[in-house]
PDB file of all heavy atoms in Angstrom:
ATOM      1  N   LEU A   1      -9.219   2.241  -7.416  1.00  0.00           N
ATOM      2  CA  LEU A   1      -8.571   1.017  -6.943  1.00  0.00           C
ATOM      3  C   LEU A   1      -7.431   1.347  -5.985  1.00  0.00           C
ATOM      4  O   LEU A   1      -7.253   0.672  -4.967  1.00  0.00           O
ATOM      5  CB  LEU A   1      -8.067   0.195  -8.128  1.00  0.00           C
ATOM      6  CG  LEU A   1      -7.519  -1.186  -7.838  1.00  0.00           C
ATOM      7  CD1 LEU A   1      -8.537  -2.033  -7.085  1.00  0.00           C
ATOM      8  CD2 LEU A   1      -7.130  -1.873  -9.122  1.00  0.00           C
ATOM      9  N   VAL A   2      -6.688   2.381  -6.279  1.00  0.00           N
ATOM     10  CA  VAL A   2      -5.608   2.819  -5.378  1.00  0.00           C
ATOM     11  C   VAL A   2      -6.206   3.296  -4.056  1.00  0.00           C
ATOM     12  O   VAL A   2      -5.687   3.002  -2.976  1.00  0.00           O
ATOM     13  CB  VAL A   2      -4.757   3.920  -6.045  1.00  0.00           C
ATOM     14  CG1 VAL A   2      -3.817   4.562  -5.050  1.00  0.00           C
ATOM     15  CG2 VAL A   2      -3.993   3.348  -7.222  1.00  0.00           C
ATOM     16  N   SER A   3      -7.329   4.012  -4.139  1.00  0.00           N
ATOM     17  CA  SER A   3      -8.007   4.452  -2.923  1.00  0.00           C
ATOM     18  C   SER A   3      -8.487   3.269  -2.097  1.00  0.00           C
ATOM     19  O   SER A   3      -8.393   3.269  -0.864  1.00  0.00           O
ATOM     20  CB  SER A   3      -9.182   5.347  -3.299  1.00  0.00           C
ATOM     21  OG  SER A   3      -9.912   5.717  -2.169  1.00  0.00           O
ATOM     22  N   PHE A   4      -8.996   2.242  -2.775  1.00  0.00           N
ATOM     23  CA  PHE A   4      -9.436   1.035  -2.088  1.00  0.00           C
ATOM     24  C   PHE A   4      -8.261   0.340  -1.403  1.00  0.00           C
ATOM     25  O   PHE A   4      -8.373  -0.095  -0.256  1.00  0.00           O
ATOM     26  CB  PHE A   4     -10.116   0.088  -3.085  1.00  0.00           C
ATOM     27  CG  PHE A   4     -10.526  -1.224  -2.500  1.00  0.00           C
ATOM     28  CD1 PHE A   4     -11.603  -1.303  -1.652  1.00  0.00           C
ATOM     29  CD2 PHE A   4      -9.813  -2.370  -2.801  1.00  0.00           C
ATOM     30  CE1 PHE A   4     -11.987  -2.516  -1.095  1.00  0.00           C
ATOM     31  CE2 PHE A   4     -10.185  -3.591  -2.268  1.00  0.00           C
ATOM     32  CZ  PHE A   4     -11.277  -3.661  -1.409  1.00  0.00           C
ATOM     33  N   LEU A   5      -7.140   0.234  -2.088  1.00  0.00           N
ATOM     34  CA  LEU A   5      -5.953  -0.395  -1.494  1.00  0.00           C
ATOM     35  C   LEU A   5      -5.447   0.402  -0.289  1.00  0.00           C
ATOM     36  O   LEU A   5      -5.040  -0.170   0.715  1.00  0.00           O
ATOM     37  CB  LEU A   5      -4.842  -0.537  -2.527  1.00  0.00           C
ATOM     38  CG  LEU A   5      -5.020  -1.624  -3.573  1.00  0.00           C
ATOM     39  CD1 LEU A   5      -3.921  -1.523  -4.624  1.00  0.00           C
ATOM     40  CD2 LEU A   5      -5.028  -2.993  -2.943  1.00  0.00           C
ATOM     41  N   SER A   6      -5.475   1.730  -0.402  1.00  0.00           N
ATOM     42  CA  SER A   6      -4.982   2.540   0.712  1.00  0.00           C
ATOM     43  C   SER A   6      -5.922   2.504   1.910  1.00  0.00           C
ATOM     44  O   SER A   6      -5.496   2.785   3.026  1.00  0.00           O
ATOM     45  CB  SER A   6      -4.747   3.982   0.261  1.00  0.00           C
ATOM     46  OG  SER A   6      -5.958   4.589  -0.092  1.00  0.00           O
ATOM     47  N   SER A   7      -7.187   2.149   1.690  1.00  0.00           N
ATOM     48  CA  SER A   7      -8.075   1.996   2.844  1.00  0.00           C
ATOM     49  C   SER A   7      -7.840   0.656   3.544  1.00  0.00           C
ATOM     50  O   SER A   7      -8.074   0.533   4.742  1.00  0.00           O
ATOM     51  CB  SER A   7      -9.537   2.109   2.422  1.00  0.00           C
ATOM     52  OG  SER A   7      -9.920   1.016   1.619  1.00  0.00           O
ATOM     53  N   GLY A   8      -7.369  -0.343   2.813  1.00  0.00           N
ATOM     54  CA  GLY A   8      -7.067  -1.637   3.428  1.00  0.00           C
ATOM     55  C   GLY A   8      -5.675  -1.700   4.021  1.00  0.00           C
ATOM     56  O   GLY A   8      -5.459  -2.301   5.074  1.00  0.00           O
ATOM     57  N   TYR A   9      -4.720  -1.111   3.336  1.00  0.00           N
ATOM     58  CA  TYR A   9      -3.335  -1.060   3.816  1.00  0.00           C
ATOM     59  C   TYR A   9      -3.045   0.396   4.175  1.00  0.00           C
ATOM     60  O   TYR A   9      -2.793   1.226   3.306  1.00  0.00           O
ATOM     61  CB  TYR A   9      -2.362  -1.532   2.737  1.00  0.00           C
ATOM     62  CG  TYR A   9      -2.620  -2.946   2.260  1.00  0.00           C
ATOM     63  CD1 TYR A   9      -3.039  -3.206   0.967  1.00  0.00           C
ATOM     64  CD2 TYR A   9      -2.442  -4.020   3.113  1.00  0.00           C
ATOM     65  CE1 TYR A   9      -3.276  -4.499   0.537  1.00  0.00           C
ATOM     66  CE2 TYR A   9      -2.673  -5.317   2.695  1.00  0.00           C
ATOM     67  CZ  TYR A   9      -3.092  -5.549   1.411  1.00  0.00           C
ATOM     68  OH  TYR A   9      -3.329  -6.825   0.984  1.00  0.00           O
ATOM     69  N   LEU A  10      -3.072   0.697   5.453  1.00  0.00           N
ATOM     70  CA  LEU A  10      -3.020   2.089   5.902  1.00  0.00           C
ATOM     71  C   LEU A  10      -1.716   2.788   5.567  1.00  0.00           C
ATOM     72  O   LEU A  10      -1.681   4.014   5.454  1.00  0.00           O
ATOM     73  CB  LEU A  10      -3.289   2.157   7.404  1.00  0.00           C
ATOM     74  CG  LEU A  10      -4.653   1.608   7.837  1.00  0.00           C
ATOM     75  CD1 LEU A  10      -4.788   1.662   9.344  1.00  0.00           C
ATOM     76  CD2 LEU A  10      -5.769   2.374   7.157  1.00  0.00           C
ATOM     77  N   VAL A  11      -0.626   2.064   5.375  1.00  0.00           N
ATOM     78  CA  VAL A  11       0.665   2.680   5.057  1.00  0.00           C
ATOM     79  C   VAL A  11       0.883   2.814   3.553  1.00  0.00           C
ATOM     80  O   VAL A  11       1.878   3.398   3.124  1.00  0.00           O
ATOM     81  CB  VAL A  11       1.832   1.889   5.680  1.00  0.00           C
ATOM     82  CG1 VAL A  11       1.769   1.934   7.193  1.00  0.00           C
ATOM     83  CG2 VAL A  11       1.839   0.458   5.185  1.00  0.00           C
ATOM     84  N   TYR A  12      -0.050   2.295   2.741  1.00  0.00           N
ATOM     85  CA  TYR A  12       0.103   2.315   1.282  1.00  0.00           C
ATOM     86  C   TYR A  12      -0.302   3.670   0.721  1.00  0.00           C
ATOM     87  O   TYR A  12      -1.333   4.225   1.073  1.00  0.00           O
ATOM     88  CB  TYR A  12      -0.762   1.222   0.655  1.00  0.00           C
ATOM     89  CG  TYR A  12      -0.831   1.289  -0.849  1.00  0.00           C
ATOM     90  CD1 TYR A  12       0.214   0.822  -1.623  1.00  0.00           C
ATOM     91  CD2 TYR A  12      -1.941   1.817  -1.494  1.00  0.00           C
ATOM     92  CE1 TYR A  12       0.164   0.883  -2.987  1.00  0.00           C
ATOM     93  CE2 TYR A  12      -2.006   1.875  -2.867  1.00  0.00           C
ATOM     94  CZ  TYR A  12      -0.953   1.412  -3.611  1.00  0.00           C
ATOM     95  OH  TYR A  12      -1.000   1.476  -4.968  1.00  0.00           O
ATOM     96  N   ASP A  13       0.538   4.222  -0.133  1.00  0.00           N
ATOM     97  CA  ASP A  13       0.202   5.386  -0.956  1.00  0.00           C
ATOM     98  C   ASP A  13       1.105   5.354  -2.185  1.00  0.00           C
ATOM     99  O   ASP A  13       1.896   4.444  -2.358  1.00  0.00           O
ATOM    100  CB  ASP A  13       0.321   6.701  -0.184  1.00  0.00           C
ATOM    101  CG  ASP A  13       1.723   6.979   0.318  1.00  0.00           C
ATOM    102  OD1 ASP A  13       2.618   6.136   0.116  1.00  0.00           O
ATOM    103  OD2 ASP A  13       1.938   8.040   0.919  1.00  0.00           O
ATOM    104  N   LEU A  14       0.946   6.326  -3.061  1.00  0.00           N
ATOM    105  CA  LEU A  14       1.704   6.329  -4.316  1.00  0.00           C
ATOM    106  C   LEU A  14       3.041   7.043  -4.177  1.00  0.00           C
ATOM    107  O   LEU A  14       3.370   7.943  -4.936  1.00  0.00           O
ATOM    108  CB  LEU A  14       0.863   6.947  -5.442  1.00  0.00           C
ATOM    109  CG  LEU A  14      -0.309   6.095  -5.904  1.00  0.00           C
ATOM    110  CD1 LEU A  14      -1.084   6.809  -6.995  1.00  0.00           C
ATOM    111  CD2 LEU A  14       0.149   4.736  -6.376  1.00  0.00           C
ATOM    112  N   SER A  15       3.813   6.645  -3.199  1.00  0.00           N
ATOM    113  CA  SER A  15       5.204   7.082  -3.059  1.00  0.00           C
ATOM    114  C   SER A  15       6.070   5.827  -3.055  1.00  0.00           C
ATOM    115  O   SER A  15       5.560   4.718  -2.933  1.00  0.00           O
ATOM    116  CB  SER A  15       5.384   7.861  -1.752  1.00  0.00           C
ATOM    117  OG  SER A  15       5.195   7.008  -0.642  1.00  0.00           O
ATOM    118  N   ALA A  16       7.357   5.996  -3.182  1.00  0.00           N
ATOM    119  CA  ALA A  16       8.245   4.832  -3.215  1.00  0.00           C
ATOM    120  C   ALA A  16       8.138   4.024  -1.924  1.00  0.00           C
ATOM    121  O   ALA A  16       8.028   2.793  -1.952  1.00  0.00           O
ATOM    122  CB  ALA A  16       9.686   5.285  -3.444  1.00  0.00           C
ATOM    123  N   THR A  17       8.135   4.705  -0.791  1.00  0.00           N
ATOM    124  CA  THR A  17       8.027   4.013   0.491  1.00  0.00           C
ATOM    125  C   THR A  17       6.658   3.365   0.650  1.00  0.00           C
ATOM    126  O   THR A  17       6.549   2.221   1.102  1.00  0.00           O
ATOM    127  CB  THR A  17       8.268   4.999   1.650  1.00  0.00           C
ATOM    128  OG1 THR A  17       9.522   5.641   1.449  1.00  0.00           O
ATOM    129  CG2 THR A  17       8.256   4.287   2.982  1.00  0.00           C
ATOM    130  N   GLY A  18       5.610   4.088   0.281  1.00  0.00           N
ATOM    131  CA  GLY A  18       4.259   3.550   0.401  1.00  0.00           C
ATOM    132  C   GLY A  18       4.028   2.336  -0.485  1.00  0.00           C
ATOM    133  O   GLY A  18       3.389   1.367  -0.072  1.00  0.00           O
ATOM    134  N   ILE A  19       4.555   2.382  -1.699  1.00  0.00           N
ATOM    135  CA  ILE A  19       4.411   1.231  -2.606  1.00  0.00           C
ATOM    136  C   ILE A  19       5.190   0.037  -2.063  1.00  0.00           C
ATOM    137  O   ILE A  19       4.688  -1.090  -2.062  1.00  0.00           O
ATOM    138  CB  ILE A  19       4.873   1.599  -4.031  1.00  0.00           C
ATOM    139  CG1 ILE A  19       3.907   2.599  -4.650  1.00  0.00           C
ATOM    140  CG2 ILE A  19       4.988   0.360  -4.901  1.00  0.00           C
ATOM    141  CD1 ILE A  19       4.371   3.184  -5.966  1.00  0.00           C
ATOM    142  N   LEU A  20       6.409   0.253  -1.580  1.00  0.00           N
ATOM    143  CA  LEU A  20       7.208  -0.836  -1.020  1.00  0.00           C
ATOM    144  C   LEU A  20       6.514  -1.469   0.187  1.00  0.00           C
ATOM    145  O   LEU A  20       6.428  -2.701   0.288  1.00  0.00           O
ATOM    146  CB  LEU A  20       8.599  -0.337  -0.626  1.00  0.00           C
ATOM    147  CG  LEU A  20       9.514  -1.386   0.000  1.00  0.00           C
ATOM    148  CD1 LEU A  20       9.826  -2.492  -0.997  1.00  0.00           C
ATOM    149  CD2 LEU A  20      10.781  -0.742   0.494  1.00  0.00           C
ATOM    150  N   LEU A  21       5.986  -0.642   1.071  1.00  0.00           N
ATOM    151  CA  LEU A  21       5.276  -1.175   2.232  1.00  0.00           C
ATOM    152  C   LEU A  21       3.991  -1.894   1.810  1.00  0.00           C
ATOM    153  O   LEU A  21       3.634  -2.929   2.376  1.00  0.00           O
ATOM    154  CB  LEU A  21       4.960  -0.051   3.222  1.00  0.00           C
ATOM    155  CG  LEU A  21       6.166   0.526   3.960  1.00  0.00           C
ATOM    156  CD1 LEU A  21       5.753   1.743   4.770  1.00  0.00           C
ATOM    157  CD2 LEU A  21       6.804  -0.522   4.842  1.00  0.00           C
ATOM    158  N   GLY A  22       3.310  -1.362   0.795  1.00  0.00           N
ATOM    159  CA  GLY A  22       2.114  -2.019   0.289  1.00  0.00           C
ATOM    160  C   GLY A  22       2.425  -3.370  -0.319  1.00  0.00           C
ATOM    161  O   GLY A  22       1.677  -4.338  -0.138  1.00  0.00           O
ATOM    162  N   VAL A  23       3.521  -3.460  -1.043  1.00  0.00           N
ATOM    163  CA  VAL A  23       3.931  -4.731  -1.647  1.00  0.00           C
ATOM    164  C   VAL A  23       4.293  -5.741  -0.556  1.00  0.00           C
ATOM    165  O   VAL A  23       3.896  -6.910  -0.620  1.00  0.00           O
ATOM    166  CB  VAL A  23       5.107  -4.516  -2.626  1.00  0.00           C
ATOM    167  CG1 VAL A  23       5.769  -5.820  -2.992  1.00  0.00           C
ATOM    168  CG2 VAL A  23       4.622  -3.796  -3.872  1.00  0.00           C
ATOM    169  N   LEU A  24       5.021  -5.310   0.465  1.00  0.00           N
ATOM    170  CA  LEU A  24       5.388  -6.211   1.559  1.00  0.00           C
ATOM    171  C   LEU A  24       4.159  -6.682   2.333  1.00  0.00           C
ATOM    172  O   LEU A  24       4.021  -7.874   2.638  1.00  0.00           O
ATOM    173  CB  LEU A  24       6.378  -5.531   2.499  1.00  0.00           C
ATOM    174  CG  LEU A  24       7.761  -5.272   1.922  1.00  0.00           C
ATOM    175  CD1 LEU A  24       8.607  -4.466   2.897  1.00  0.00           C
ATOM    176  CD2 LEU A  24       8.448  -6.562   1.564  1.00  0.00           C
ATOM    177  N   LEU A  25       3.255  -5.758   2.640  1.00  0.00           N
ATOM    178  CA  LEU A  25       2.034  -6.147   3.338  1.00  0.00           C
ATOM    179  C   LEU A  25       1.141  -7.013   2.450  1.00  0.00           C
ATOM    180  O   LEU A  25       0.470  -7.923   2.937  1.00  0.00           O
ATOM    181  CB  LEU A  25       1.271  -4.911   3.807  1.00  0.00           C
ATOM    182  CG  LEU A  25       1.883  -4.170   4.987  1.00  0.00           C
ATOM    183  CD1 LEU A  25       1.116  -2.885   5.268  1.00  0.00           C
ATOM    184  CD2 LEU A  25       1.916  -5.057   6.216  1.00  0.00           C
ATOM    185  N   GLY A  26       1.146  -6.733   1.147  1.00  0.00           N
ATOM    186  CA  GLY A  26       0.376  -7.550   0.216  1.00  0.00           C
ATOM    187  C   GLY A  26       0.897  -8.972   0.159  1.00  0.00           C
ATOM    188  O   GLY A  26       0.114  -9.925   0.101  1.00  0.00           O
ATOM    189  N   PHE A  27       2.212  -9.124   0.188  1.00  0.00           N
ATOM    190  CA  PHE A  27       2.789 -10.472   0.206  1.00  0.00           C
ATOM    191  C   PHE A  27       2.390 -11.203   1.482  1.00  0.00           C
ATOM    192  O   PHE A  27       1.982 -12.370   1.443  1.00  0.00           O
ATOM    193  CB  PHE A  27       4.313 -10.431   0.086  1.00  0.00           C
ATOM    194  CG  PHE A  27       4.922 -11.801   0.090  1.00  0.00           C
ATOM    195  CD1 PHE A  27       4.962 -12.547  -1.069  1.00  0.00           C
ATOM    196  CD2 PHE A  27       5.417 -12.352   1.258  1.00  0.00           C
ATOM    197  CE1 PHE A  27       5.495 -13.827  -1.077  1.00  0.00           C
ATOM    198  CE2 PHE A  27       5.953 -13.630   1.270  1.00  0.00           C
ATOM    199  CZ  PHE A  27       5.992 -14.371   0.097  1.00  0.00           C
ATOM    200  N   LEU A  28       2.491 -10.524   2.602  1.00  0.00           N
ATOM    201  CA  LEU A  28       2.118 -11.134   3.874  1.00  0.00           C
ATOM    202  C   LEU A  28       0.632 -11.510   3.882  1.00  0.00           C
ATOM    203  O   LEU A  28       0.265 -12.612   4.307  1.00  0.00           O
ATOM    204  CB  LEU A  28       2.439 -10.189   5.024  1.00  0.00           C
ATOM    205  CG  LEU A  28       2.111 -10.685   6.422  1.00  0.00           C
ATOM    206  CD1 LEU A  28       2.960 -11.897   6.769  1.00  0.00           C
ATOM    207  CD2 LEU A  28       2.325  -9.580   7.432  1.00  0.00           C
TER     208      LEU A  28
END
């Protein structure tokens, strides 16, 4: 599931910055 999310949100990964960017892009 994390791999699937990182393929949709290119800046998302399991780091603090990646999770924050994933959450912001997910909200948008």
